[in-house]
Amino acid sequence: MSDAFVPVAALADLAPGEAIGIVAGGVEIALVRDEDGGVHALEDICSHEEIALSDGDVEGCTLECWKHGSQFDLVTGRPLQLPAVLPVRVFPVRIDESSGEILVDPTAAPAT
């Protein structure tokens, strides 16, 4: 268990199908709850253009950039829809069941 995990939000404050922008460890992160309730953390900058992904739409297990329609897989960070061709970083997420807090490890390696 890594001690790099930091609390970033309460699970109750993130509705299914919602994305919010947070900063953890100096890194801008899109915190996303998919429509099935799973929580994901991705780099909050579209790899196509410097646009906050947290302002985009959650559909299934994807996050769509609002400006040009690039879609990113919430699990892998890989682009699923042009014009983006490069992935975004994904960050490990844990839920503290006792407190209901979402914890993110902002030290994850860059996307490849």
C-alpha atoms as a PDB file:
ATOM      1  CA  MET A   1       0.000   0.000   0.000  1.00  0.00           C
ATOM      2  CA  SER A   2       1.570   3.286  -1.123  1.00  0.00           C
ATOM      3  CA  ASP A   3       1.678   6.262   1.192  1.00  0.00           C
ATOM      4  CA  ALA A   4       1.484   8.533  -1.883  1.00  0.00           C
ATOM      5  CA  PHE A   5      -2.328   8.353  -1.787  1.00  0.00           C
ATOM      6  CA  VAL A   6      -3.934  11.648  -0.769  1.00  0.00           C
ATOM      7  CA  PRO A   7      -7.599  12.368   0.020  1.00  0.00           C
ATOM      8  CA  VAL A   8      -9.173  14.513  -2.702  1.00  0.00           C
ATOM      9  CA  ALA A   9     -12.967  14.381  -2.308  1.00  0.00           C
ATOM     10  CA  ALA A  10     -15.858  12.640  -0.634  1.00  0.00           C
ATOM     11  CA  LEU A  11     -17.449   9.861  -2.662  1.00  0.00           C
ATOM     12  CA  ALA A  12     -20.881  11.280  -1.775  1.00  0.00           C
ATOM     13  CA  ASP A  13     -19.928  14.569  -3.495  1.00  0.00           C
ATOM     14  CA  LEU A  14     -19.255  12.934  -6.883  1.00  0.00           C
ATOM     15  CA  ALA A  15     -22.408  11.707  -8.613  1.00  0.00           C
ATOM     16  CA  PRO A  16     -22.372   8.897 -11.193  1.00  0.00           C
ATOM     17  CA  GLY A  17     -21.728  10.398 -14.636  1.00  0.00           C
ATOM     18  CA  GLU A  18     -19.922  13.420 -13.155  1.00  0.00           C
ATOM     19  CA  ALA A  19     -16.367  14.747 -13.570  1.00  0.00           C
ATOM     20  CA  ILE A  20     -14.682  17.404 -11.435  1.00  0.00           C
ATOM     21  CA  GLY A  21     -11.277  19.028 -11.573  1.00  0.00           C
ATOM     22  CA  ILE A  22      -9.034  18.675  -8.531  1.00  0.00           C
ATOM     23  CA  VAL A  23      -5.381  19.272  -7.714  1.00  0.00           C
ATOM     24  CA  ALA A  24      -3.413  16.591  -5.857  1.00  0.00           C
ATOM     25  CA  GLY A  25       0.314  16.821  -5.236  1.00  0.00           C
ATOM     26  CA  GLY A  26       0.472  19.790  -7.623  1.00  0.00           C
ATOM     27  CA  VAL A  27      -1.056  17.734 -10.464  1.00  0.00           C
ATOM     28  CA  GLU A  28      -4.305  18.758 -12.194  1.00  0.00           C
ATOM     29  CA  ILE A  29      -6.562  15.708 -12.201  1.00  0.00           C
ATOM     30  CA  ALA A  30     -10.015  14.983 -13.629  1.00  0.00           C
ATOM     31  CA  LEU A  31     -11.814  12.931 -10.986  1.00  0.00           C
ATOM     32  CA  VAL A  32     -14.571  10.964 -12.704  1.00  0.00           C
ATOM     33  CA  ARG A  33     -17.353   8.734 -11.478  1.00  0.00           C
ATOM     34  CA  ASP A  34     -18.567   6.553 -14.325  1.00  0.00           C
ATOM     35  CA  GLU A  35     -22.245   5.774 -14.818  1.00  0.00           C
ATOM     36  CA  ASP A  36     -21.824   2.468 -12.920  1.00  0.00           C
ATOM     37  CA  GLY A  37     -20.329   4.245  -9.899  1.00  0.00           C
ATOM     38  CA  GLY A  38     -16.642   3.431 -10.497  1.00  0.00           C
ATOM     39  CA  VAL A  39     -14.185   6.226  -9.709  1.00  0.00           C
ATOM     40  CA  HIS A  40     -11.296   7.132 -12.016  1.00  0.00           C
ATOM     41  CA  ALA A  41      -8.576   9.783 -12.066  1.00  0.00           C
ATOM     42  CA  LEU A  42      -7.021  11.087 -15.285  1.00  0.00           C
ATOM     43  CA  GLU A  43      -4.777  13.947 -16.231  1.00  0.00           C
ATOM     44  CA  ASP A  44      -7.047  16.983 -16.547  1.00  0.00           C
ATOM     45  CA  ILE A  45      -5.565  18.238 -19.807  1.00  0.00           C
ATOM     46  CA  CYS A  46      -6.663  16.889 -23.188  1.00  0.00           C
ATOM     47  CA  SER A  47      -3.673  15.510 -25.100  1.00  0.00           C
ATOM     48  CA  HIS A  48      -4.935  17.189 -28.293  1.00  0.00           C
ATOM     49  CA  GLU A  49      -5.238  20.734 -26.955  1.00  0.00           C
ATOM     50  CA  GLU A  50      -4.834  22.275 -23.519  1.00  0.00           C
ATOM     51  CA  ILE A  51      -8.485  21.936 -22.492  1.00  0.00           C
ATOM     52  CA  ALA A  52      -9.699  20.737 -19.089  1.00  0.00           C
ATOM     53  CA  LEU A  53     -11.160  17.250 -19.535  1.00  0.00           C
ATOM     54  CA  SER A  54     -13.108  17.665 -16.284  1.00  0.00           C
ATOM     55  CA  ASP A  55     -15.390  20.062 -18.196  1.00  0.00           C
ATOM     56  CA  GLY A  56     -16.288  17.253 -20.605  1.00  0.00           C
ATOM     57  CA  ASP A  57     -19.013  14.614 -20.663  1.00  0.00           C
ATOM     58  CA  VAL A  58     -18.895  11.169 -19.080  1.00  0.00           C
ATOM     59  CA  GLU A  59     -20.430   8.447 -21.246  1.00  0.00           C
ATOM     60  CA  GLY A  60     -20.097   4.839 -20.112  1.00  0.00           C
ATOM     61  CA  CYS A  61     -16.395   4.360 -19.392  1.00  0.00           C
ATOM     62  CA  THR A  62     -15.222   7.365 -21.436  1.00  0.00           C
ATOM     63  CA  LEU A  63     -14.607  11.053 -20.887  1.00  0.00           C
ATOM     64  CA  GLU A  64     -15.191  13.305 -23.883  1.00  0.00           C
ATOM     65  CA  CYS A  65     -13.378  16.610 -24.334  1.00  0.00           C
ATOM     66  CA  TRP A  66     -15.991  19.302 -24.850  1.00  0.00           C
ATOM     67  CA  LYS A  67     -14.019  21.296 -27.428  1.00  0.00           C
ATOM     68  CA  HIS A  68     -13.214  18.840 -30.242  1.00  0.00           C
ATOM     69  CA  GLY A  69     -14.877  15.593 -29.149  1.00  0.00           C
ATOM     70  CA  SER A  70     -11.811  13.502 -28.313  1.00  0.00           C
ATOM     71  CA  GLN A  71     -12.815  10.614 -26.068  1.00  0.00           C
ATOM     72  CA  PHE A  72     -10.561   8.926 -23.519  1.00  0.00           C
ATOM     73  CA  ASP A  73     -10.905   5.531 -21.860  1.00  0.00           C
ATOM     74  CA  LEU A  74     -11.308   6.082 -18.110  1.00  0.00           C
ATOM     75  CA  VAL A  75      -9.262   2.977 -17.244  1.00  0.00           C
ATOM     76  CA  THR A  76      -6.318   3.266 -19.638  1.00  0.00           C
ATOM     77  CA  GLY A  77      -6.299   6.968 -20.603  1.00  0.00           C
ATOM     78  CA  ARG A  78      -6.025   5.955 -24.256  1.00  0.00           C
ATOM     79  CA  PRO A  79      -7.830   8.068 -26.855  1.00  0.00           C
ATOM     80  CA  LEU A  80     -10.815   6.364 -28.449  1.00  0.00           C
ATOM     81  CA  GLN A  81     -11.892   9.210 -30.739  1.00  0.00           C
ATOM     82  CA  LEU A  82      -9.900  11.660 -32.863  1.00  0.00           C
ATOM     83  CA  PRO A  83      -8.521  14.256 -32.956  1.00  0.00           C
ATOM     84  CA  ALA A  84      -6.481  13.151 -29.882  1.00  0.00           C
ATOM     85  CA  VAL A  85      -3.925  10.452 -30.653  1.00  0.00           C
ATOM     86  CA  LEU A  86      -1.878  10.476 -27.443  1.00  0.00           C
ATOM     87  CA  PRO A  87      -3.072   9.037 -24.114  1.00  0.00           C
ATOM     88  CA  VAL A  88      -3.467  10.987 -20.894  1.00  0.00           C
ATOM     89  CA  ARG A  89      -2.036   9.853 -17.557  1.00  0.00           C
ATOM     90  CA  VAL A  90      -4.218   7.775 -15.279  1.00  0.00           C
ATOM     91  CA  PHE A  91      -3.791   7.733 -11.528  1.00  0.00           C
ATOM     92  CA  PRO A  92      -4.529   4.948  -9.031  1.00  0.00           C
ATOM     93  CA  VAL A  93      -7.690   5.505  -6.980  1.00  0.00           C
ATOM     94  CA  ARG A  94      -8.781   4.036  -3.663  1.00  0.00           C
ATOM     95  CA  ILE A  95     -11.981   4.519  -1.703  1.00  0.00           C
ATOM     96  CA  ASP A  96     -11.701   4.580   2.079  1.00  0.00           C
ATOM     97  CA  GLU A  97     -14.814   2.594   2.980  1.00  0.00           C
ATOM     98  CA  SER A  98     -14.866   3.826   6.590  1.00  0.00           C
ATOM     99  CA  SER A  99     -14.722   7.551   5.783  1.00  0.00           C
ATOM    100  CA  GLY A 100     -16.153   7.572   2.244  1.00  0.00           C
ATOM    101  CA  GLU A 101     -13.136   9.532   1.020  1.00  0.00           C
ATOM    102  CA  ILE A 102     -11.659   9.198  -2.462  1.00  0.00           C
ATOM    103  CA  LEU A 103      -7.870   8.923  -2.412  1.00  0.00           C
ATOM    104  CA  VAL A 104      -5.614   9.380  -5.447  1.00  0.00           C
ATOM    105  CA  ASP A 105      -1.923   8.650  -5.980  1.00  0.00           C
ATOM    106  CA  PRO A 106      -0.685  11.665  -7.978  1.00  0.00           C
ATOM    107  CA  THR A 107       2.790  10.146  -8.460  1.00  0.00           C
ATOM    108  CA  ALA A 108       1.743   7.751 -11.260  1.00  0.00           C
ATOM    109  CA  ALA A 109       4.098   7.479 -14.215  1.00  0.00           C
ATOM    110  CA  PRO A 110       3.431   9.581 -17.324  1.00  0.00           C
ATOM    111  CA  ALA A 111       1.253   8.169 -20.106  1.00  0.00           C
ATOM    112  CA  THR A 112       3.010   6.174 -22.790  1.00  0.00           C
END
